[in-house]
Amino acid sequence: MSKHEFFFKIATTADEFEQIHRLNYQTFSEEIPQHEKNEEQKLVDAFHAENTYIICVKDNEVIGMSAIRANRPFSLDRKIGPVEQSLSFPVHSPCEVRLLSVKKEYRNGRVFLGLMQFLIKYCLKKGYDIAFISGTVRQLKLYGQMGFQPFAQLTGTDEALFQPMYLTKKTFDESIAGRILPPAIPFLPGPVQISDKVMTALSTMPISHRSDLYKEKLGKAKRILSQLVNSKHVHIFLGSGTLANDVVAGQLSLETGRGLILANGEFGSRLVEQARRFGLPFDLLQKDWGQAFTRDEIIGEISKDTSWIWAVHSETSSGMLNDLDMLKDISEQNQLKLCLDCISSLGAINIDLDGVFLATGVSGKAIRALTGLSFVFHHHEVKPSVRLPKYLDLGTYMVKDSIPFSQSSNLLEALLAALEDINLETFEKVVDTHTFLKEQLKQAGFTIISEKNSSPIILTIEVPSPISSVMIGDILYNHGYQLHYESDYLQCRNWIQIACIDHYRKADLEKMANLLKKVITYEQGALQKNTV
């Protein structure tokens, strides 16, 4: 049986709840005589209104389920007293798992395993640190394989005996089910999977940022970064990409004339906000998300007072890659200073910053180091300015051999380790992943946002309304695929994004795309069934 012949989700529709009540009856009235039989052959759980149901679906049929609730008292509290009193360790954020049931013909272990793997991811995301269950003594071996540990005395009757059990992340990780659970695959623009080499570098003993050794390592990182993008200078800041863009805004505040900001997505809009906070004089060329700027549009906004342009290179909010060569050409012909946000593109695609006045990047995302360092690239000499906050003054960092503020040697070590693995082959892998995955999604019937000018860094699809992109993203997350869907700017458009900057096997790309299609197709059918 293929892994994705069935899948797991949180129950949401009336039809799913109807099937849950019938499965509940089959298991706990007919098979395990815990409840009386009835003519309807349905059993509505006493805590139904409080339950969250994880279900396994195959061919539109609910074939397995479990219920989770966090309201006290638990049903187990009522049987043995407060569960904490029977444990030798503290409990902080518990939940109760009930009604674990799988149809007889699917009890080969895989559905139980999938339910538990989905359960553990769901609980961790909700912040639960322990789950309690009353396990039927008929399945104690199976529960043990899933990581459940017995405690307290048996409950129930001779015909239906139950063993109180608990599950934590630790007991799950050490169980058979936990050991065979594959690691989550991130399809995020950041953070990405961090290599063991980078994590080892991060954990080295810290050294003083004033030491000669630190200066040597900092110089090496700056040389590699400069060579990577063909820039004469780069300075490293302890902070996020927003900090680096504020540094750029600070430098632009020292320029004469007006600016022109290009915005066709969330991050272009953030440049606008940062420019306004610095009181910069500028004009704005704004287009719908995912729409490319044309040469004529940009030139049409340039006036005799325009002295600089500021734009985002890879606008990840829509998957758009703005034309860098065109921007450099327009800037050169009109003697304008071009500034670029390269935060998402740095380390993912080949960038040549020749002809660019100021550009920004970060250590996280495609560089594949840890978040926490940001970069400002430039070619010209910069002098300190008393008009700027000292920390945001690029000129402060230009003083010979200056490290003006505290920095983290651990983040620098991690950055150096990550930079060793970036080369032309890295860029080719990103393009190959993007090309392959785009074809997989198109074959599955998805429409790619910004397909014509799409960045190889990320793919954007719109989830068909009224299906919620958050619900789809949660299902994929609990299956081990971390898509990009939790940002407000994506949720308001019902978009899901799939980044291509990590290292993936084609088999995993195919499985993820197939599951995404299967889940959306199922949800569309479920909605139609419930509106008939």
Protein backbone atom coordinates (compact mmCIF):
# COMPACT_ATOMS: atom_id res chain seq x y z
CA MET A 1 0.00 0.00 0.00
CA SER A 2 1.47 3.36 -1.01
CA LYS A 3 2.13 5.73 1.88
CA HIS A 4 -0.25 8.30 0.47
CA GLU A 5 -3.14 6.01 -0.40
CA PHE A 6 -4.37 7.32 2.92
CA PHE A 7 -3.60 10.52 4.77
CA PHE A 8 -4.28 12.12 8.14
CA LYS A 9 -6.06 15.35 9.03
CA ILE A 10 -8.13 17.12 11.65
CA ALA A 11 -11.84 16.36 11.18
CA THR A 12 -13.85 19.41 10.13
CA THR A 13 -16.95 18.36 8.18
CA ALA A 14 -20.33 16.97 9.20
CA ASP A 15 -19.75 13.84 7.13
CA GLU A 16 -16.43 13.17 8.87
CA PHE A 17 -18.06 13.54 12.30
CA GLU A 18 -20.86 11.17 11.24
CA GLN A 19 -18.26 8.56 10.26
CA ILE A 20 -16.42 9.16 13.54
CA HIS A 21 -19.57 8.40 15.54
CA ARG A 22 -20.09 5.16 13.60
CA LEU A 23 -16.48 4.05 14.01
CA ASN A 24 -16.72 4.92 17.70
CA TYR A 25 -19.76 2.63 17.97
CA GLN A 26 -18.13 -0.23 16.03
CA THR A 27 -15.11 -0.19 18.31
CA PHE A 28 -16.44 0.66 21.75
CA SER A 29 -19.94 -0.85 21.64
CA GLU A 30 -19.64 -3.84 19.32
CA GLU A 31 -15.99 -4.89 19.60
CA ILE A 32 -15.08 -3.68 23.10
CA PRO A 33 -18.23 -3.82 25.24
CA GLN A 34 -17.59 -0.52 26.95
CA HIS A 35 -20.91 1.07 25.86
CA GLU A 36 -24.40 -0.27 25.20
CA LYS A 37 -25.49 -1.12 21.65
CA ASN A 38 -28.20 0.91 19.93
CA GLU A 39 -30.30 0.78 16.75
CA GLU A 40 -28.64 3.85 15.23
CA GLN A 41 -25.23 2.16 15.47
CA LYS A 42 -23.71 5.51 16.40
CA LEU A 43 -21.86 6.52 19.54
CA VAL A 44 -21.36 10.22 20.20
CA ASP A 45 -18.57 10.68 22.71
CA ALA A 46 -19.45 12.43 25.96
CA PHE A 47 -16.72 15.01 25.26
CA HIS A 48 -17.49 15.39 21.57
CA ALA A 49 -17.88 19.18 21.79
CA GLU A 50 -14.40 19.48 23.35
CA ASN A 51 -12.62 16.91 21.21
CA THR A 52 -10.24 17.54 18.35
CA TYR A 53 -10.30 14.46 16.12
CA ILE A 54 -7.31 13.25 14.14
CA ILE A 55 -8.59 10.97 11.40
CA CYS A 56 -7.11 8.74 8.74
CA VAL A 57 -8.85 9.01 5.37
CA LYS A 58 -8.71 6.52 2.51
CA ASP A 59 -10.86 7.01 -0.59
CA ASN A 60 -13.11 9.50 1.27
CA GLU A 61 -13.64 6.98 4.10
CA VAL A 62 -12.59 7.53 7.72
CA ILE A 63 -10.66 4.36 8.55
CA GLY A 64 -8.98 5.44 11.78
CA MET A 65 -9.23 8.10 14.44
CA SER A 66 -8.13 9.44 17.79
CA ALA A 67 -9.51 12.31 19.85
CA ILE A 68 -7.54 14.92 21.81
CA ARG A 69 -8.79 17.27 24.50
CA ALA A 70 -7.02 19.45 27.06
CA ASN A 71 -9.93 20.44 29.31
CA ARG A 72 -9.81 19.10 32.87
CA PRO A 73 -10.90 16.95 34.43
CA PHE A 74 -9.79 14.26 32.00
CA SER A 75 -11.87 11.09 31.81
CA LEU A 76 -8.81 9.41 33.35
CA ASP A 77 -8.87 11.92 36.23
CA ARG A 78 -12.35 10.68 37.06
CA LYS A 79 -11.15 7.08 37.16
CA ILE A 80 -7.90 7.31 39.13
CA GLY A 81 -7.91 10.86 40.52
CA PRO A 82 -5.72 13.68 39.19
CA VAL A 83 -3.19 11.96 36.94
CA GLU A 84 -0.30 13.99 38.35
CA GLN A 85 -0.63 12.18 41.68
CA SER A 86 0.28 8.88 40.03
CA LEU A 87 3.47 10.19 38.37
CA SER A 88 6.95 10.77 39.77
CA PHE A 89 7.67 13.78 37.56
CA PRO A 90 5.98 17.18 37.05
CA VAL A 91 3.34 17.72 34.39
CA HIS A 92 3.03 21.18 32.82
CA SER A 93 0.77 21.16 29.75
CA PRO A 94 -1.10 17.83 29.47
CA CYS A 95 -3.72 16.59 27.05
CA GLU A 96 -5.78 13.43 26.89
CA VAL A 97 -5.94 11.08 23.90
CA ARG A 98 -9.09 9.00 23.62
CA LEU A 99 -11.03 6.86 21.17
CA LEU A 100 -7.97 5.48 19.41
CA SER A 101 -9.59 3.25 16.83
CA VAL A 102 -8.85 1.74 13.41
CA LYS A 103 -11.18 -0.34 11.25
CA LYS A 104 -10.32 -4.03 11.47
CA GLU A 105 -9.23 -4.44 7.86
CA TYR A 106 -6.58 -1.71 8.25
CA ARG A 107 -4.98 -2.89 11.48
CA ASN A 108 -1.62 -3.67 9.96
CA GLY A 109 0.07 -1.11 12.20
CA ARG A 110 0.60 1.57 9.55
CA VAL A 111 -2.57 3.49 10.33
CA PHE A 112 -1.87 3.37 14.07
CA LEU A 113 1.67 4.50 13.36
CA GLY A 114 0.49 7.37 11.17
CA LEU A 115 -2.04 8.49 13.75
CA MET A 116 0.64 8.59 16.46
CA GLN A 117 3.16 10.39 14.27
CA PHE A 118 0.52 12.96 13.33
CA LEU A 119 -0.50 13.18 16.99
CA ILE A 120 3.01 13.92 18.25
CA LYS A 121 3.51 16.72 15.71
CA TYR A 122 0.10 18.17 16.53
CA CYS A 123 0.79 18.08 20.28
CA LEU A 124 4.20 19.71 19.92
CA LYS A 125 2.76 22.50 17.81
CA LYS A 126 -0.01 23.06 20.37
CA GLY A 127 2.52 23.13 23.21
CA TYR A 128 1.39 19.93 25.00
CA ASP A 129 4.24 18.12 26.74
CA ILE A 130 2.45 14.90 27.75
CA ALA A 131 -0.54 12.92 26.50
CA PHE A 132 -2.57 10.47 28.61
CA ILE A 133 -4.59 7.53 27.36
CA SER A 134 -6.62 4.62 28.72
CA GLY A 135 -5.27 1.81 26.59
CA THR A 136 -7.22 -1.39 26.14
CA VAL A 137 -5.24 -4.31 27.53
CA ARG A 138 -5.85 -6.07 24.20
CA GLN A 139 -3.39 -3.72 22.49
CA LEU A 140 -0.73 -3.00 25.13
CA LYS A 141 2.10 -4.25 22.88
CA LEU A 142 1.02 -1.90 20.11
CA TYR A 143 0.74 1.04 22.52
CA GLY A 144 4.22 0.27 23.78
CA GLN A 145 5.59 0.32 20.25
CA MET A 146 4.12 3.82 19.88
CA GLY A 147 5.92 5.03 23.02
CA PHE A 148 3.09 4.87 25.58
CA GLN A 149 4.25 4.00 29.10
CA PRO A 150 1.95 2.35 31.69
CA PHE A 151 1.30 3.90 35.10
CA ALA A 152 -1.30 3.58 37.90
CA GLN A 153 -3.78 0.71 38.28
CA LEU A 154 -6.06 -0.88 35.67
CA THR A 155 -9.53 0.59 35.21
CA GLY A 156 -12.79 -0.66 33.67
CA THR A 157 -14.50 -4.03 33.95
CA ASP A 158 -13.43 -7.63 33.39
CA GLU A 159 -14.95 -7.42 29.88
CA ALA A 160 -13.21 -4.09 29.09
CA LEU A 161 -10.03 -3.49 31.06
CA PHE A 162 -7.89 -0.40 30.41
CA GLN A 163 -4.34 0.53 31.37
CA PRO A 164 -3.60 4.23 32.11
CA MET A 165 -0.62 5.23 29.95
CA TYR A 166 1.29 8.37 29.06
CA LEU A 167 3.25 9.56 26.04
CA THR A 168 5.93 12.28 25.95
CA LYS A 169 8.20 13.39 23.16
CA LYS A 170 11.04 11.52 24.86
CA THR A 171 9.13 8.22 25.16
CA PHE A 172 7.93 8.60 21.55
CA ASP A 173 11.43 9.34 20.22
CA GLU A 174 12.76 6.24 21.99
CA SER A 175 9.95 4.00 20.71
CA ILE A 176 9.81 1.98 17.50
CA ALA A 177 7.41 4.54 16.03
CA GLY A 178 9.68 7.44 16.95
CA ARG A 179 12.85 5.83 15.64
CA ILE A 180 11.35 5.27 12.19
CA LEU A 181 9.75 8.71 11.96
CA PRO A 182 11.58 10.56 9.18
CA PRO A 183 12.74 14.11 9.96
CA ALA A 184 10.53 16.94 8.83
CA ILE A 185 11.35 18.33 5.39
CA PRO A 186 11.33 22.15 5.38
CA PHE A 187 10.10 23.94 2.26
CA LEU A 188 10.57 27.33 3.92
CA PRO A 189 12.42 30.41 2.67
CA GLY A 190 13.97 30.37 6.14
CA PRO A 191 14.98 28.81 8.36
CA VAL A 192 16.31 25.90 6.32
CA GLN A 193 17.85 22.66 7.48
CA ILE A 194 21.13 23.34 9.21
CA SER A 195 23.96 20.91 8.51
CA ASP A 196 25.79 19.07 11.27
CA LYS A 197 28.94 20.92 10.24
CA VAL A 198 27.31 24.30 10.81
CA MET A 199 25.81 23.24 14.15
CA THR A 200 29.20 21.95 15.28
CA ALA A 201 30.77 25.28 14.34
CA LEU A 202 28.06 27.11 16.26
CA SER A 203 28.85 25.18 19.44
CA THR A 204 32.56 26.05 19.55
CA MET A 205 33.90 27.93 22.56
CA PRO A 206 33.16 31.68 22.19
CA ILE A 207 36.09 34.03 21.65
CA SER A 208 36.34 37.79 22.14
CA HIS A 209 35.30 39.93 19.20
CA ARG A 210 38.32 42.09 20.03
CA SER A 211 40.81 39.24 19.60
CA ASP A 212 43.15 38.86 16.63
CA LEU A 213 41.65 35.44 15.92
CA TYR A 214 38.17 36.91 15.66
CA LYS A 215 39.43 39.66 13.34
CA GLU A 216 41.04 37.01 11.17
CA LYS A 217 37.83 34.98 10.94
CA LEU A 218 35.73 38.08 10.29
CA GLY A 219 38.06 39.11 7.50
CA LYS A 220 37.79 35.66 5.94
CA ALA A 221 33.97 35.75 6.02
CA LYS A 222 33.93 39.21 4.46
CA ARG A 223 36.29 38.12 1.67
CA ILE A 224 34.12 35.10 0.82
CA LEU A 225 30.92 37.15 0.87
CA SER A 226 32.44 39.88 -1.30
CA GLN A 227 33.70 37.36 -3.84
CA LEU A 228 30.33 35.60 -3.85
CA VAL A 229 28.52 38.68 -5.20
CA ASN A 230 31.37 40.67 -6.78
CA SER A 231 31.35 43.49 -4.23
CA LYS A 232 34.35 45.48 -3.00
CA HIS A 233 33.13 45.82 0.57
CA VAL A 234 30.77 44.06 2.94
CA HIS A 235 30.06 44.72 6.60
CA ILE A 236 28.47 42.26 8.99
CA PHE A 237 25.89 43.34 11.56
CA LEU A 238 24.49 41.50 14.55
CA GLY A 239 20.79 41.63 13.64
CA SER A 240 18.17 40.70 11.07
CA GLY A 241 17.68 41.77 7.47
CA THR A 242 15.45 44.60 8.64
CA LEU A 243 18.47 46.05 10.46
CA ALA A 244 20.55 45.88 7.27
CA ASN A 245 17.81 47.65 5.31
CA ASP A 246 17.65 50.33 8.01
CA VAL A 247 21.39 50.83 7.50
CA VAL A 248 20.69 51.36 3.78
CA ALA A 249 17.89 53.80 4.61
CA GLY A 250 20.33 55.66 6.85
CA GLN A 251 22.82 56.01 4.01
CA LEU A 252 20.09 57.19 1.63
CA SER A 253 19.12 59.87 4.14
CA LEU A 254 22.53 61.42 3.50
CA GLU A 255 21.94 61.59 -0.27
CA THR A 256 20.58 64.61 -2.11
CA GLY A 257 17.59 64.38 -4.45
CA ARG A 258 14.63 62.05 -4.39
CA GLY A 259 14.41 58.32 -4.54
CA LEU A 260 12.24 55.85 -6.42
CA ILE A 261 11.08 52.73 -4.56
CA LEU A 262 9.70 49.76 -6.49
CA ALA A 263 7.14 47.63 -4.66
CA ASN A 264 5.33 44.59 -6.05
CA GLY A 265 5.03 42.53 -2.87
CA GLU A 266 5.25 42.46 0.90
CA PHE A 267 8.95 43.14 1.12
CA GLY A 268 8.86 46.05 -1.31
CA SER A 269 6.16 47.52 0.92
CA ARG A 270 8.46 47.10 3.91
CA LEU A 271 11.13 49.13 2.14
CA VAL A 272 8.52 51.86 1.71
CA GLU A 273 7.78 51.79 5.45
CA GLN A 274 11.45 51.94 6.36
CA ALA A 275 12.02 54.84 3.97
CA ARG A 276 9.12 56.74 5.51
CA ARG A 277 10.41 56.16 9.02
CA PHE A 278 13.69 57.78 7.97
CA GLY A 279 11.83 60.65 6.35
CA LEU A 280 13.32 59.93 2.92
CA PRO A 281 11.91 61.91 -0.04
CA PHE A 282 10.85 59.39 -2.68
CA ASP A 283 8.35 58.46 -5.37
CA LEU A 284 6.69 55.05 -5.42
CA LEU A 285 6.09 52.71 -8.32
CA GLN A 286 3.70 50.11 -6.94
CA LYS A 287 2.25 47.14 -8.82
CA ASP A 288 0.02 44.23 -7.88
CA TRP A 289 1.77 41.37 -6.16
CA GLY A 290 3.52 39.16 -8.68
CA GLN A 291 3.40 41.72 -11.51
CA ALA A 292 6.72 42.53 -13.15
CA PHE A 293 8.01 46.06 -13.62
CA THR A 294 8.66 47.09 -17.20
CA ARG A 295 11.50 49.30 -18.36
CA ASP A 296 9.07 51.96 -19.60
CA GLU A 297 7.19 52.03 -16.29
CA ILE A 298 10.37 52.61 -14.31
CA ILE A 299 11.79 55.21 -16.68
CA GLY A 300 8.42 56.98 -16.66
CA GLU A 301 8.75 57.53 -12.88
CA ILE A 302 12.28 58.95 -13.07
CA SER A 303 12.47 62.73 -12.81
CA LYS A 304 15.33 65.22 -12.89
CA ASP A 305 15.38 65.07 -9.09
CA THR A 306 15.64 61.26 -8.87
CA SER A 307 19.01 60.19 -7.49
CA TRP A 308 18.45 56.63 -6.27
CA ILE A 309 16.31 53.49 -6.77
CA TRP A 310 15.53 50.94 -4.04
CA ALA A 311 13.99 47.55 -4.86
CA VAL A 312 13.72 43.94 -3.76
CA HIS A 313 15.59 41.44 -5.90
CA SER A 314 13.68 38.26 -5.07
CA GLU A 315 10.19 39.21 -3.84
CA THR A 316 9.46 35.99 -1.99
CA SER A 317 5.97 37.09 -0.91
CA SER A 318 4.74 36.31 -4.44
CA GLY A 319 7.61 34.26 -5.87
CA MET A 320 8.62 37.10 -8.21
CA LEU A 321 12.21 37.65 -9.33
CA ASN A 322 12.71 41.26 -10.34
CA ASP A 323 15.03 41.84 -13.31
CA LEU A 324 18.41 42.81 -11.86
CA ASP A 325 20.11 43.39 -15.22
CA MET A 326 17.32 45.76 -16.28
CA LEU A 327 17.54 47.67 -13.00
CA LYS A 328 21.31 48.01 -13.29
CA ASP A 329 21.01 49.16 -16.90
CA ILE A 330 18.36 51.79 -16.10
CA SER A 331 20.38 53.04 -13.13
CA GLU A 332 23.57 53.32 -15.17
CA GLN A 333 21.89 55.13 -18.07
CA ASN A 334 20.22 57.62 -15.73
CA GLN A 335 23.15 57.96 -13.31
CA LEU A 336 21.10 56.65 -10.38
CA LYS A 337 22.34 54.83 -7.30
CA LEU A 338 20.73 51.38 -7.19
CA CYS A 339 20.01 49.76 -3.83
CA LEU A 340 18.81 46.16 -3.52
CA ASP A 341 17.28 43.92 -0.91
CA CYS A 342 18.97 40.58 -1.72
CA ILE A 343 17.97 38.95 1.54
CA SER A 344 16.17 36.01 -0.10
CA SER A 345 18.35 35.65 -3.17
CA LEU A 346 21.81 35.72 -1.55
CA GLY A 347 23.23 32.20 -1.56
CA ALA A 348 20.42 30.79 -3.71
CA ILE A 349 21.18 32.26 -7.12
CA ASN A 350 24.22 33.82 -8.78
CA ILE A 351 24.25 37.57 -8.07
CA ASP A 352 26.59 40.18 -9.53
CA LEU A 353 26.48 43.42 -7.55
CA ASP A 354 28.75 45.29 -9.93
CA GLY A 355 27.02 48.63 -10.47
CA VAL A 356 24.92 48.34 -7.30
CA PHE A 357 25.32 51.13 -4.72
CA LEU A 358 24.09 49.25 -1.62
CA ALA A 359 22.71 45.74 -1.14
CA THR A 360 21.63 43.67 1.84
CA GLY A 361 21.69 39.99 2.79
CA VAL A 362 21.45 37.68 5.82
CA SER A 363 23.15 34.63 7.29
CA GLY A 364 19.96 32.57 7.45
CA LYS A 365 17.77 31.59 4.50
CA ALA A 366 19.76 30.33 1.50
CA ILE A 367 23.18 30.89 3.07
CA ARG A 368 22.12 28.02 5.36
CA ALA A 369 23.81 29.39 8.49
CA LEU A 370 21.93 30.56 11.58
CA THR A 371 19.67 33.58 11.62
CA GLY A 372 21.23 36.53 13.46
CA LEU A 373 23.77 38.17 11.13
CA SER A 374 23.01 40.60 8.31
CA PHE A 375 25.19 42.13 5.62
CA VAL A 376 25.48 45.40 3.72
CA PHE A 377 27.46 45.29 0.46
CA HIS A 378 28.92 48.33 -1.30
CA HIS A 379 31.79 49.45 -3.54
CA HIS A 380 32.37 53.05 -2.42
CA GLU A 381 34.15 54.42 0.63
CA VAL A 382 31.80 55.45 3.44
CA LYS A 383 32.65 57.94 6.18
CA PRO A 384 30.97 58.04 9.61
CA SER A 385 28.13 60.52 10.00
CA VAL A 386 26.98 62.16 13.23
CA ARG A 387 23.52 62.46 11.68
CA LEU A 388 22.90 58.72 12.03
CA PRO A 389 22.43 56.45 15.07
CA LYS A 390 25.85 54.99 15.65
CA TYR A 391 24.81 51.35 15.33
CA LEU A 392 23.15 52.08 11.96
CA ASP A 393 26.03 54.15 10.61
CA LEU A 394 27.77 52.14 7.89
CA GLY A 395 30.74 54.49 8.08
CA THR A 396 31.39 53.40 11.66
CA TYR A 397 32.25 49.94 10.32
CA MET A 398 34.59 51.35 7.64
CA VAL A 399 37.21 52.56 10.11
CA LYS A 400 40.33 50.45 9.53
CA ASP A 401 40.36 47.23 11.58
CA SER A 402 37.27 48.41 13.44
CA ILE A 403 34.80 46.09 15.13
CA PRO A 404 32.84 48.83 16.83
CA PHE A 405 30.25 46.72 18.65
CA SER A 406 29.96 43.31 20.29
CA GLN A 407 29.51 40.42 17.88
CA SER A 408 28.94 36.69 18.24
CA SER A 409 31.90 34.48 17.40
CA ASN A 410 29.55 31.47 17.41
CA LEU A 411 27.34 32.93 14.68
CA LEU A 412 30.46 33.89 12.74
CA GLU A 413 31.86 30.35 13.00
CA ALA A 414 28.53 28.96 11.74
CA LEU A 415 28.52 31.46 8.87
CA LEU A 416 32.03 30.45 7.81
CA ALA A 417 31.09 26.78 7.85
CA ALA A 418 28.02 27.45 5.71
CA LEU A 419 29.87 29.65 3.22
CA GLU A 420 32.28 26.80 2.48
CA ASP A 421 29.45 24.88 0.81
CA ILE A 422 28.14 27.62 -1.50
CA ASN A 423 29.23 27.42 -5.13
CA LEU A 424 27.84 27.30 -8.66
CA GLU A 425 26.59 23.78 -8.05
CA THR A 426 24.48 25.15 -5.17
CA PHE A 427 22.78 27.59 -7.54
CA GLU A 428 22.21 24.86 -10.13
CA LYS A 429 20.53 22.65 -7.52
CA VAL A 430 18.08 25.44 -6.64
CA VAL A 431 17.16 25.91 -10.29
CA ASP A 432 16.82 22.15 -10.85
CA THR A 433 14.58 21.79 -7.79
CA HIS A 434 12.43 24.72 -8.87
CA THR A 435 12.05 23.38 -12.43
CA PHE A 436 11.20 19.86 -11.29
CA LEU A 437 8.78 20.94 -8.58
CA LYS A 438 7.04 23.47 -10.81
CA GLU A 439 6.35 20.72 -13.33
CA GLN A 440 5.05 18.43 -10.58
CA LEU A 441 2.66 21.12 -9.35
CA LYS A 442 1.46 21.99 -12.84
CA GLN A 443 0.80 18.32 -13.61
CA ALA A 444 -1.24 18.21 -10.40
CA GLY A 445 -3.37 21.07 -11.74
CA PHE A 446 -2.01 23.95 -9.67
CA THR A 447 -1.62 27.46 -11.07
CA ILE A 448 1.73 29.06 -10.25
CA ILE A 449 1.60 32.69 -9.14
CA SER A 450 4.15 34.82 -11.05
CA GLU A 451 5.03 31.86 -13.25
CA LYS A 452 6.42 33.96 -16.09
CA ASN A 453 8.86 35.84 -13.84
CA SER A 454 9.07 33.35 -11.00
CA SER A 455 12.11 33.26 -8.78
CA PRO A 456 13.84 29.86 -8.66
CA ILE A 457 13.89 30.34 -4.90
CA ILE A 458 10.20 29.77 -4.21
CA LEU A 459 6.90 28.68 -5.80
CA THR A 460 3.54 30.19 -4.87
CA ILE A 461 0.13 28.58 -5.39
CA GLU A 462 -3.35 29.74 -4.49
CA VAL A 463 -5.53 27.30 -2.55
CA PRO A 464 -9.00 27.25 -4.15
CA SER A 465 -11.60 29.03 -2.03
CA PRO A 466 -13.31 28.32 0.32
CA ILE A 467 -10.68 25.77 1.37
CA SER A 468 -8.34 27.34 3.93
CA SER A 469 -4.64 27.52 3.07
CA VAL A 470 -3.93 27.31 6.81
CA MET A 471 -5.80 24.01 7.10
CA ILE A 472 -3.92 22.59 4.10
CA GLY A 473 -0.60 23.84 5.47
CA ASP A 474 -1.34 22.29 8.87
CA ILE A 475 -2.12 18.91 7.29
CA LEU A 476 1.12 18.93 5.30
CA TYR A 477 3.03 20.05 8.40
CA ASN A 478 1.68 17.17 10.46
CA HIS A 479 2.74 14.83 7.66
CA GLY A 480 6.30 16.12 7.92
CA TYR A 481 6.32 18.75 5.15
CA GLN A 482 6.84 22.32 6.35
CA LEU A 483 5.37 24.61 3.73
CA HIS A 484 5.31 28.40 4.02
CA TYR A 485 1.76 29.44 4.90
CA GLU A 486 1.69 31.01 8.37
CA SER A 487 2.60 34.59 7.43
CA ASP A 488 -0.32 37.01 7.53
CA TYR A 489 0.37 38.27 4.01
CA LEU A 490 -0.03 34.73 2.66
CA GLN A 491 -3.10 33.87 4.71
CA CYS A 492 -5.03 36.93 3.53
CA ARG A 493 -4.50 35.74 -0.07
CA ASN A 494 -5.03 32.05 0.71
CA TRP A 495 -1.59 31.32 -0.74
CA ILE A 496 0.87 28.56 0.09
CA GLN A 497 4.54 28.74 -0.80
CA ILE A 498 7.10 26.03 -1.37
CA ALA A 499 10.74 27.08 -1.17
CA CYS A 500 13.38 25.35 -3.29
CA ILE A 501 16.58 26.40 -1.50
CA ASP A 502 17.14 23.28 0.59
CA HIS A 503 18.57 19.95 -0.54
CA TYR A 504 15.77 17.59 -1.59
CA ARG A 505 15.40 14.15 -3.08
CA LYS A 506 13.13 14.07 -6.12
CA ALA A 507 11.12 11.28 -4.49
CA ASP A 508 10.30 13.61 -1.59
CA LEU A 509 9.30 16.38 -3.97
CA GLU A 510 6.94 14.00 -5.78
CA LYS A 511 5.42 12.70 -2.53
CA MET A 512 4.86 16.21 -1.20
CA ALA A 513 3.23 17.41 -4.44
CA ASN A 514 1.03 14.29 -4.66
CA LEU A 515 -0.09 14.63 -1.04
CA LEU A 516 -0.86 18.32 -1.55
CA LYS A 517 -3.03 17.47 -4.55
CA LYS A 518 -4.73 14.58 -2.75
CA VAL A 519 -5.58 16.67 0.30
CA ILE A 520 -7.00 19.60 -1.68
CA THR A 521 -9.00 17.26 -3.93
CA TYR A 522 -10.43 15.53 -0.87
CA GLU A 523 -11.36 18.83 0.78
CA GLN A 524 -13.07 20.02 -2.41
CA GLY A 525 -15.12 16.83 -2.51
CA ALA A 526 -15.95 17.07 1.18
CA LEU A 527 -17.22 20.62 0.74
CA GLN A 528 -19.40 19.62 -2.20
CA LYS A 529 -20.81 16.70 -0.24
CA ASN A 530 -21.71 18.96 2.67
CA THR A 531 -23.41 21.58 0.49
CA VAL A 532 -25.64 19.15 -1.40
